Every structure is written in structure tokens, then in C-alpha cells.
Amino acid sequence: MNSLISNYAVELRKDGKNTGLFYLDKEGAFDAAEEIVATHYKLDDKKSVLKTKFNKVWNHFDVNTDGLLEVERAP
């Protein structure tokens, strides 16, 4: 969780102040997925896996289609 927040999440701001609520946007989620696939899975073509699967998984979890996913809900 610390890695997701520190490296990939964006903090929601309200009235110019940080709220302590962290979200993954699509770019941050993709970057996290790249790291996870690269370090935890022994696949021949890691980029191909992300190209074919990432959007389907993102759309499944981004049910409101607002482009944000609560960091604690990240798969």
C-alpha cells in the first residue's frame, strides 16, 4: 500500500488543501501494473499482457467511469 501511495497515487485536493484521500488515475494504475508484472510474473511478453488485459480490468473497477480508483480498492 505504501508503494502504491508513494509512487503511483494522486492525492485529492479540496479548496487547495490535501484531503488525505489517495486515488489511482489510469496512468498511475498502468505504471503500477507494469511494475507488478515485471517483478512478480515470469512471462515472455510482459508488454503484450498489459496491452490486452489492462483496459478490461480498468473498466471493470472504474465503474463510475470517472477515471479514478480508490487506492485501497486497486486490484
Protein backbone atom coordinates (compact mmCIF):
# COMPACT_ATOMS: atom_id res chain seq x y z
CA MET A 1 0.00 0.00 0.00
CA ASN A 2 2.83 2.39 0.85
CA SER A 3 4.40 1.82 -2.57
CA LEU A 4 1.11 2.49 -4.36
CA ILE A 5 0.55 5.72 -2.45
CA SER A 6 4.16 6.91 -2.65
CA ASN A 7 4.83 6.07 -6.27
CA TYR A 8 1.58 5.95 -8.23
CA ALA A 9 -1.35 7.61 -6.46
CA VAL A 10 -2.56 11.18 -6.58
CA GLU A 11 -3.99 12.91 -3.53
CA LEU A 12 -7.38 14.55 -3.77
CA ARG A 13 -7.32 18.26 -3.01
CA LYS A 14 -10.29 20.28 -1.83
CA ASP A 15 -10.24 24.05 -1.53
CA GLY A 16 -6.50 23.94 -2.25
CA LYS A 17 -5.76 21.59 0.64
CA ASN A 18 -4.77 17.93 0.67
CA THR A 19 -7.54 15.66 1.95
CA GLY A 20 -5.56 12.51 2.73
CA LEU A 21 -7.63 10.60 0.15
CA PHE A 22 -5.50 8.85 -2.46
CA TYR A 23 -6.60 7.68 -5.89
CA LEU A 24 -5.04 5.96 -8.86
CA ASP A 25 -5.70 7.52 -12.21
CA LYS A 26 -5.43 5.32 -15.29
CA GLU A 27 -1.81 6.29 -15.94
CA GLY A 28 -0.75 5.59 -12.36
CA ALA A 29 -2.58 2.26 -12.35
CA PHE A 30 -0.90 1.26 -15.60
CA ASP A 31 2.53 2.17 -14.24
CA ALA A 32 1.88 0.11 -11.10
CA ALA A 33 0.69 -2.80 -13.24
CA GLU A 34 3.88 -2.62 -15.29
CA GLU A 35 6.00 -2.87 -12.15
CA ILE A 36 3.94 -5.74 -10.75
CA VAL A 37 4.05 -7.75 -13.97
CA ALA A 38 7.78 -7.11 -14.39
CA THR A 39 8.73 -8.13 -10.85
CA HIS A 40 6.27 -10.85 -9.93
CA TYR A 41 5.44 -12.79 -13.09
CA LYS A 42 7.64 -14.82 -15.37
CA LEU A 43 6.08 -14.02 -18.72
CA ASP A 44 7.74 -13.97 -22.11
CA ASP A 45 5.94 -10.87 -23.38
CA LYS A 46 5.01 -8.65 -20.45
CA LYS A 47 4.01 -5.64 -22.57
CA SER A 48 1.60 -7.76 -24.60
CA VAL A 49 -0.17 -8.95 -21.47
CA LEU A 50 -0.75 -5.39 -20.30
CA LYS A 51 -1.93 -4.23 -23.72
CA THR A 52 -4.53 -6.99 -23.92
CA LYS A 53 -5.73 -7.11 -20.31
CA PHE A 54 -5.25 -3.71 -18.67
CA ASN A 55 -8.18 -1.81 -20.21
CA LYS A 56 -10.62 -4.62 -19.45
CA VAL A 57 -9.53 -4.74 -15.80
CA TRP A 58 -9.51 -0.92 -15.51
CA ASN A 59 -13.04 -0.68 -16.90
CA HIS A 60 -14.22 -3.39 -14.51
CA PHE A 61 -13.01 -1.46 -11.45
CA ASP A 62 -13.74 2.09 -12.70
CA VAL A 63 -17.49 1.50 -12.61
CA ASN A 64 -18.32 5.22 -12.41
CA THR A 65 -16.06 5.95 -15.40
CA ASP A 66 -14.61 8.93 -13.57
CA GLY A 67 -11.02 7.93 -14.30
CA LEU A 68 -10.14 7.40 -10.65
CA LEU A 69 -9.93 4.35 -8.44
CA GLU A 70 -9.55 4.50 -4.67
CA VAL A 71 -6.04 3.27 -3.97
CA GLU A 72 -7.28 0.77 -1.37
CA ARG A 73 -9.55 -0.84 -4.00
CA ALA A 74 -6.74 -1.37 -6.50
CA PRO A 75 -6.52 -4.99 -7.62
